[in-house]
Amino acid sequence: MGIRVLLVDDEKDLTAYLAKRLAARGMEVETASDGASALQAVQRSIPDVVVLDMLMPGMDGIQTLGALHERHPDLPVIILSGHGAEEQAARGARLGAIDYLHKPCDLQQLVDAITGAVTAGSTPASSDRRRH
């Protein structure tokens, strides 16, 4: 079984592209277009890592990150941030995000960040991953 990734971004074209490229590298990818959908996805099944956009309508990335870490403090979160969101990304890092990538990011850089998060052993206990 490949690394399980949750991509959270309101830019559907970017999310679809990244999901396809990560899946081609053997990762299992689920997508969410906003913070509320991300929280629902994690409630169903805890991924190995979350890749989270900072600027989204409704629940933004900071609020989503806070809610994720409140429920799953060991869940690794990688921030994806577009132009003008660097301050939010820095705030996210202070709230527990393990990495920050600027959008649009190099695909290999994203793959390296994801695999690094998993191999660092910062994922939740495997027995806690699946919710029924």
N, C-alpha and C. Protein backbone atom coordinates (compact mmCIF):
# COMPACT_ATOMS: atom_id res chain seq x y z
N MET A 1 0.84 -1.19 0.00
CA MET A 1 0.00 0.00 0.00
C MET A 1 0.88 1.24 0.00
N GLY A 2 0.55 2.22 -0.85
CA GLY A 2 1.32 3.44 -0.97
C GLY A 2 1.04 4.43 0.14
N ILE A 3 1.79 5.49 0.14
CA ILE A 3 1.58 6.58 1.10
C ILE A 3 0.21 7.18 0.84
N ARG A 4 -0.56 7.38 1.91
CA ARG A 4 -1.90 7.95 1.79
C ARG A 4 -1.83 9.45 2.05
N VAL A 5 -2.21 10.22 1.02
CA VAL A 5 -2.10 11.66 1.03
C VAL A 5 -3.49 12.28 0.91
N LEU A 6 -3.75 13.30 1.72
CA LEU A 6 -4.95 14.11 1.57
C LEU A 6 -4.51 15.47 1.04
N LEU A 7 -4.94 15.82 -0.17
CA LEU A 7 -4.67 17.12 -0.78
C LEU A 7 -5.85 18.04 -0.53
N VAL A 8 -5.60 19.19 0.08
CA VAL A 8 -6.68 20.12 0.40
C VAL A 8 -6.39 21.45 -0.28
N ASP A 9 -7.19 21.78 -1.29
CA ASP A 9 -6.98 23.02 -2.03
C ASP A 9 -8.26 23.34 -2.79
N ASP A 10 -8.62 24.61 -2.85
CA ASP A 10 -9.83 25.00 -3.57
C ASP A 10 -9.58 25.18 -5.06
N GLU A 11 -8.34 25.09 -5.51
CA GLU A 11 -8.02 25.17 -6.94
C GLU A 11 -8.13 23.76 -7.53
N LYS A 12 -9.29 23.46 -8.07
CA LYS A 12 -9.60 22.10 -8.50
C LYS A 12 -8.67 21.58 -9.59
N ASP A 13 -8.27 22.43 -10.52
CA ASP A 13 -7.36 21.99 -11.58
C ASP A 13 -6.01 21.58 -11.01
N LEU A 14 -5.50 22.39 -10.09
CA LEU A 14 -4.21 22.07 -9.46
C LEU A 14 -4.33 20.79 -8.64
N THR A 15 -5.39 20.66 -7.89
CA THR A 15 -5.59 19.46 -7.07
C THR A 15 -5.68 18.22 -7.93
N ALA A 16 -6.43 18.30 -9.03
CA ALA A 16 -6.56 17.15 -9.94
C ALA A 16 -5.21 16.79 -10.55
N TYR A 17 -4.45 17.79 -10.95
CA TYR A 17 -3.13 17.54 -11.53
C TYR A 17 -2.21 16.87 -10.51
N LEU A 18 -2.13 17.44 -9.31
CA LEU A 18 -1.25 16.87 -8.28
C LEU A 18 -1.70 15.46 -7.90
N ALA A 19 -3.00 15.25 -7.77
CA ALA A 19 -3.51 13.92 -7.41
C ALA A 19 -3.09 12.90 -8.47
N LYS A 20 -3.22 13.25 -9.73
CA LYS A 20 -2.85 12.34 -10.81
C LYS A 20 -1.35 12.04 -10.79
N ARG A 21 -0.55 13.06 -10.60
CA ARG A 21 0.90 12.88 -10.61
C ARG A 21 1.38 12.08 -9.39
N LEU A 22 0.79 12.33 -8.23
CA LEU A 22 1.18 11.58 -7.03
C LEU A 22 0.72 10.13 -7.13
N ALA A 23 -0.47 9.91 -7.68
CA ALA A 23 -0.97 8.54 -7.87
C ALA A 23 -0.07 7.77 -8.82
N ALA A 24 0.45 8.45 -9.84
CA ALA A 24 1.36 7.80 -10.79
C ALA A 24 2.66 7.37 -10.10
N ARG A 25 2.95 7.96 -8.96
CA ARG A 25 4.15 7.60 -8.18
C ARG A 25 3.81 6.62 -7.06
N GLY A 26 2.63 6.02 -7.13
CA GLY A 26 2.26 4.96 -6.20
C GLY A 26 1.60 5.42 -4.92
N MET A 27 1.24 6.70 -4.84
CA MET A 27 0.58 7.20 -3.63
C MET A 27 -0.93 7.07 -3.78
N GLU A 28 -1.60 6.87 -2.65
CA GLU A 28 -3.06 6.86 -2.61
C GLU A 28 -3.50 8.26 -2.24
N VAL A 29 -4.23 8.90 -3.12
CA VAL A 29 -4.55 10.31 -2.94
C VAL A 29 -6.05 10.53 -2.82
N GLU A 30 -6.42 11.29 -1.81
CA GLU A 30 -7.79 11.76 -1.66
C GLU A 30 -7.72 13.28 -1.71
N THR A 31 -8.76 13.91 -2.23
CA THR A 31 -8.76 15.36 -2.32
C THR A 31 -9.94 15.95 -1.57
N ALA A 32 -9.74 17.18 -1.15
CA ALA A 32 -10.80 17.96 -0.52
C ALA A 32 -10.65 19.40 -1.00
N SER A 33 -11.77 20.07 -1.23
CA SER A 33 -11.71 21.42 -1.78
C SER A 33 -11.81 22.51 -0.72
N ASP A 34 -12.00 22.12 0.54
CA ASP A 34 -12.07 23.12 1.61
C ASP A 34 -11.78 22.45 2.95
N GLY A 35 -11.67 23.28 3.97
CA GLY A 35 -11.33 22.78 5.29
C GLY A 35 -12.35 21.82 5.87
N ALA A 36 -13.62 22.14 5.71
CA ALA A 36 -14.66 21.27 6.27
C ALA A 36 -14.63 19.89 5.63
N SER A 37 -14.45 19.84 4.31
CA SER A 37 -14.34 18.55 3.61
C SER A 37 -13.10 17.79 4.05
N ALA A 38 -12.02 18.50 4.32
CA ALA A 38 -10.79 17.86 4.79
C ALA A 38 -11.01 17.20 6.14
N LEU A 39 -11.68 17.90 7.04
CA LEU A 39 -11.95 17.33 8.36
C LEU A 39 -12.84 16.10 8.27
N GLN A 40 -13.81 16.12 7.37
CA GLN A 40 -14.66 14.95 7.16
C GLN A 40 -13.84 13.78 6.61
N ALA A 41 -12.94 14.06 5.68
CA ALA A 41 -12.12 13.00 5.09
C ALA A 41 -11.22 12.36 6.15
N VAL A 42 -10.65 13.18 7.02
CA VAL A 42 -9.77 12.66 8.07
C VAL A 42 -10.57 11.88 9.11
N GLN A 43 -11.79 12.28 9.33
CA GLN A 43 -12.64 11.53 10.26
C GLN A 43 -12.93 10.13 9.72
N ARG A 44 -13.11 10.01 8.40
CA ARG A 44 -13.36 8.70 7.78
C ARG A 44 -12.11 7.83 7.80
N SER A 45 -10.96 8.42 7.50
CA SER A 45 -9.73 7.65 7.39
C SER A 45 -8.53 8.59 7.51
N ILE A 46 -7.71 8.37 8.50
CA ILE A 46 -6.56 9.25 8.74
C ILE A 46 -5.47 8.96 7.71
N PRO A 47 -5.08 9.98 6.94
CA PRO A 47 -4.02 9.77 5.95
C PRO A 47 -2.65 9.75 6.61
N ASP A 48 -1.63 9.41 5.81
CA ASP A 48 -0.26 9.47 6.31
C ASP A 48 0.23 10.92 6.41
N VAL A 49 -0.27 11.76 5.51
CA VAL A 49 0.15 13.16 5.47
C VAL A 49 -0.94 13.99 4.79
N VAL A 50 -1.05 15.25 5.21
CA VAL A 50 -2.00 16.20 4.61
C VAL A 50 -1.18 17.30 3.94
N VAL A 51 -1.55 17.62 2.70
CA VAL A 51 -0.98 18.76 1.98
C VAL A 51 -2.08 19.81 1.93
N LEU A 52 -1.85 20.95 2.58
CA LEU A 52 -2.92 21.91 2.88
C LEU A 52 -2.63 23.29 2.33
N ASP A 53 -3.55 23.79 1.52
CA ASP A 53 -3.49 25.17 1.03
C ASP A 53 -3.87 26.11 2.17
N MET A 54 -3.26 27.29 2.18
CA MET A 54 -3.57 28.25 3.25
C MET A 54 -4.76 29.13 2.93
N LEU A 55 -4.88 29.56 1.67
CA LEU A 55 -5.95 30.50 1.33
C LEU A 55 -7.09 29.77 0.64
N MET A 56 -8.15 29.56 1.40
CA MET A 56 -9.35 28.91 0.89
C MET A 56 -10.57 29.65 1.42
N PRO A 57 -11.67 29.64 0.68
CA PRO A 57 -12.89 30.27 1.20
C PRO A 57 -13.44 29.46 2.37
N GLY A 58 -14.20 30.11 3.19
CA GLY A 58 -14.76 29.43 4.36
C GLY A 58 -13.67 29.21 5.39
N MET A 59 -13.50 27.99 5.79
CA MET A 59 -12.47 27.63 6.77
C MET A 59 -11.11 27.69 6.06
N ASP A 60 -10.27 28.65 6.45
CA ASP A 60 -8.98 28.77 5.78
C ASP A 60 -7.99 27.72 6.29
N GLY A 61 -6.79 27.74 5.74
CA GLY A 61 -5.79 26.75 6.09
C GLY A 61 -5.37 26.77 7.55
N ILE A 62 -5.28 27.96 8.13
CA ILE A 62 -4.89 28.07 9.54
C ILE A 62 -5.95 27.43 10.43
N GLN A 63 -7.22 27.72 10.16
CA GLN A 63 -8.29 27.12 10.95
C GLN A 63 -8.33 25.61 10.75
N THR A 64 -8.12 25.16 9.52
CA THR A 64 -8.11 23.73 9.24
C THR A 64 -6.95 23.05 9.94
N LEU A 65 -5.78 23.65 9.87
CA LEU A 65 -4.60 23.10 10.54
C LEU A 65 -4.85 22.99 12.04
N GLY A 66 -5.41 24.02 12.64
CA GLY A 66 -5.70 23.98 14.06
C GLY A 66 -6.65 22.86 14.43
N ALA A 67 -7.71 22.69 13.63
CA ALA A 67 -8.68 21.63 13.89
C ALA A 67 -8.05 20.25 13.69
N LEU A 68 -7.23 20.10 12.66
CA LEU A 68 -6.56 18.81 12.42
C LEU A 68 -5.64 18.46 13.59
N HIS A 69 -4.85 19.43 14.03
CA HIS A 69 -3.90 19.14 15.11
C HIS A 69 -4.57 18.99 16.46
N GLU A 70 -5.74 19.58 16.62
CA GLU A 70 -6.49 19.37 17.86
C GLU A 70 -6.95 17.92 17.96
N ARG A 71 -7.40 17.37 16.82
CA ARG A 71 -7.91 16.00 16.80
C ARG A 71 -6.80 14.95 16.63
N HIS A 72 -5.77 15.30 15.88
CA HIS A 72 -4.69 14.35 15.53
C HIS A 72 -3.35 15.08 15.60
N PRO A 73 -2.82 15.31 16.80
CA PRO A 73 -1.62 16.12 16.95
C PRO A 73 -0.39 15.58 16.23
N ASP A 74 -0.34 14.28 15.94
CA ASP A 74 0.83 13.71 15.28
C ASP A 74 0.68 13.61 13.77
N LEU A 75 -0.43 14.07 13.23
CA LEU A 75 -0.66 14.01 11.79
C LEU A 75 0.22 15.05 11.09
N PRO A 76 1.13 14.61 10.21
CA PRO A 76 1.98 15.59 9.53
C PRO A 76 1.20 16.38 8.49
N VAL A 77 1.41 17.70 8.52
CA VAL A 77 0.76 18.60 7.58
C VAL A 77 1.83 19.41 6.86
N ILE A 78 1.75 19.42 5.54
CA ILE A 78 2.63 20.22 4.70
C ILE A 78 1.79 21.36 4.14
N ILE A 79 2.28 22.57 4.30
CA ILE A 79 1.55 23.74 3.82
C ILE A 79 1.95 24.04 2.38
N LEU A 80 0.94 24.28 1.55
CA LEU A 80 1.13 24.80 0.20
C LEU A 80 0.60 26.22 0.22
N SER A 81 1.42 27.17 -0.18
CA SER A 81 0.99 28.54 -0.09
C SER A 81 1.32 29.30 -1.37
N GLY A 82 0.34 30.04 -1.87
CA GLY A 82 0.54 30.85 -3.06
C GLY A 82 1.11 32.21 -2.71
N HIS A 83 1.27 33.04 -3.70
CA HIS A 83 1.80 34.39 -3.53
C HIS A 83 1.00 35.16 -2.49
N GLY A 84 1.69 35.82 -1.60
CA GLY A 84 1.03 36.65 -0.61
C GLY A 84 0.59 35.92 0.63
N ALA A 85 0.84 34.61 0.71
CA ALA A 85 0.38 33.85 1.87
C ALA A 85 1.54 33.41 2.75
N GLU A 86 2.72 33.99 2.55
CA GLU A 86 3.89 33.58 3.31
C GLU A 86 3.73 33.79 4.81
N GLU A 87 3.08 34.88 5.17
CA GLU A 87 2.86 35.15 6.60
C GLU A 87 1.97 34.08 7.21
N GLN A 88 0.93 33.69 6.49
CA GLN A 88 0.07 32.61 6.99
C GLN A 88 0.83 31.30 7.06
N ALA A 89 1.69 31.06 6.09
CA ALA A 89 2.48 29.82 6.10
C ALA A 89 3.41 29.78 7.31
N ALA A 90 4.02 30.92 7.63
CA ALA A 90 4.89 30.98 8.80
C ALA A 90 4.07 30.74 10.07
N ARG A 91 2.88 31.29 10.11
CA ARG A 91 1.99 31.06 11.26
C ARG A 91 1.62 29.58 11.35
N GLY A 92 1.36 28.96 10.20
CA GLY A 92 1.06 27.53 10.16
C GLY A 92 2.21 26.70 10.69
N ALA A 93 3.42 27.09 10.34
CA ALA A 93 4.59 26.36 10.84
C ALA A 93 4.67 26.47 12.36
N ARG A 94 4.35 27.62 12.89
CA ARG A 94 4.35 27.77 14.35
C ARG A 94 3.25 26.93 15.00
N LEU A 95 2.19 26.64 14.24
CA LEU A 95 1.09 25.82 14.76
C LEU A 95 1.30 24.32 14.55
N GLY A 96 2.45 23.95 13.97
CA GLY A 96 2.76 22.53 13.88
C GLY A 96 2.93 21.96 12.50
N ALA A 97 2.77 22.75 11.45
CA ALA A 97 3.01 22.21 10.11
C ALA A 97 4.48 21.82 10.00
N ILE A 98 4.75 20.72 9.32
CA ILE A 98 6.12 20.22 9.28
C ILE A 98 6.93 20.74 8.10
N ASP A 99 6.26 21.30 7.09
CA ASP A 99 6.97 21.81 5.93
C ASP A 99 6.12 22.86 5.25
N TYR A 100 6.77 23.67 4.42
CA TYR A 100 6.10 24.74 3.70
C TYR A 100 6.63 24.73 2.27
N LEU A 101 5.74 24.70 1.30
CA LEU A 101 6.10 24.77 -0.11
C LEU A 101 5.32 25.90 -0.75
N HIS A 102 6.02 26.65 -1.62
CA HIS A 102 5.40 27.77 -2.31
C HIS A 102 4.73 27.27 -3.60
N LYS A 103 3.48 27.69 -3.83
CA LYS A 103 2.76 27.32 -5.05
C LYS A 103 3.14 28.27 -6.18
N PRO A 104 3.25 27.78 -7.38
CA PRO A 104 3.23 26.36 -7.75
C PRO A 104 4.56 25.72 -7.37
N CYS A 105 4.49 24.53 -6.82
CA CYS A 105 5.71 23.87 -6.35
C CYS A 105 6.17 22.85 -7.38
N ASP A 106 7.45 22.56 -7.32
CA ASP A 106 8.02 21.51 -8.15
C ASP A 106 7.48 20.18 -7.65
N LEU A 107 7.04 19.33 -8.56
CA LEU A 107 6.44 18.06 -8.18
C LEU A 107 7.41 17.20 -7.36
N GLN A 108 8.66 17.15 -7.77
CA GLN A 108 9.63 16.34 -7.03
C GLN A 108 9.84 16.88 -5.61
N GLN A 109 9.79 18.18 -5.46
CA GLN A 109 9.91 18.79 -4.14
C GLN A 109 8.74 18.36 -3.25
N LEU A 110 7.54 18.32 -3.82
CA LEU A 110 6.37 17.87 -3.07
C LEU A 110 6.49 16.40 -2.70
N VAL A 111 6.90 15.57 -3.65
CA VAL A 111 7.09 14.14 -3.39
C VAL A 111 8.12 13.95 -2.28
N ASP A 112 9.21 14.68 -2.35
CA ASP A 112 10.25 14.57 -1.32
C ASP A 112 9.73 14.98 0.05
N ALA A 113 8.92 16.05 0.10
CA ALA A 113 8.35 16.50 1.38
C ALA A 113 7.40 15.45 1.95
N ILE A 114 6.59 14.86 1.09
CA ILE A 114 5.64 13.83 1.52
C ILE A 114 6.37 12.60 2.04
N THR A 115 7.30 12.09 1.25
CA THR A 115 8.02 10.89 1.68
C THR A 115 8.87 11.17 2.91
N GLY A 116 9.42 12.37 3.00
CA GLY A 116 10.19 12.74 4.19
C GLY A 116 9.33 12.77 5.44
N ALA A 117 8.10 13.26 5.30
CA ALA A 117 7.18 13.30 6.45
C ALA A 117 6.86 11.90 6.94
N VAL A 118 6.69 10.98 6.01
CA VAL A 118 6.33 9.61 6.38
C VAL A 118 7.54 8.85 6.92
N THR A 119 8.69 8.98 6.28
CA THR A 119 9.86 8.24 6.73
C THR A 119 10.44 8.79 8.03
N ALA A 120 10.07 10.02 8.35
CA ALA A 120 10.53 10.60 9.62
C ALA A 120 9.81 9.98 10.81
N GLY A 121 8.77 9.18 10.52
CA GLY A 121 8.05 8.50 11.60
C GLY A 121 7.09 9.41 12.33
N SER A 122 6.69 10.50 11.68
CA SER A 122 5.79 11.43 12.36
C SER A 122 4.33 11.18 12.04
N THR A 123 4.03 9.99 11.52
CA THR A 123 2.62 9.69 11.22
C THR A 123 1.94 9.05 12.42
N PRO A 124 0.62 9.12 12.48
CA PRO A 124 -0.11 8.50 13.59
C PRO A 124 0.12 6.99 13.61
N ALA A 125 -0.11 6.41 14.75
CA ALA A 125 0.01 4.95 14.87
C ALA A 125 -0.91 4.29 13.87
N SER A 126 -0.43 3.26 13.21
CA SER A 126 -1.22 2.65 12.15
C SER A 126 -2.56 2.12 12.66
N SER A 127 -2.62 1.74 13.90
CA SER A 127 -3.89 1.23 14.43
C SER A 127 -4.93 2.34 14.56
N ASP A 128 -4.49 3.60 14.54
CA ASP A 128 -5.40 4.72 14.69
C ASP A 128 -5.79 5.32 13.34
N ARG A 129 -5.29 4.79 12.23
CA ARG A 129 -5.48 5.41 10.93
C ARG A 129 -6.88 5.27 10.38
N ARG A 130 -7.49 4.14 10.50
CA ARG A 130 -8.79 3.91 9.86
C ARG A 130 -9.92 4.17 10.86
N ARG A 131 -10.89 4.92 10.41
CA ARG A 131 -12.10 5.16 11.21
C ARG A 131 -13.25 4.45 10.51
N HIS A 132 -14.15 3.91 11.25
CA HIS A 132 -15.29 3.21 10.63
C HIS A 132 -16.56 3.98 10.86
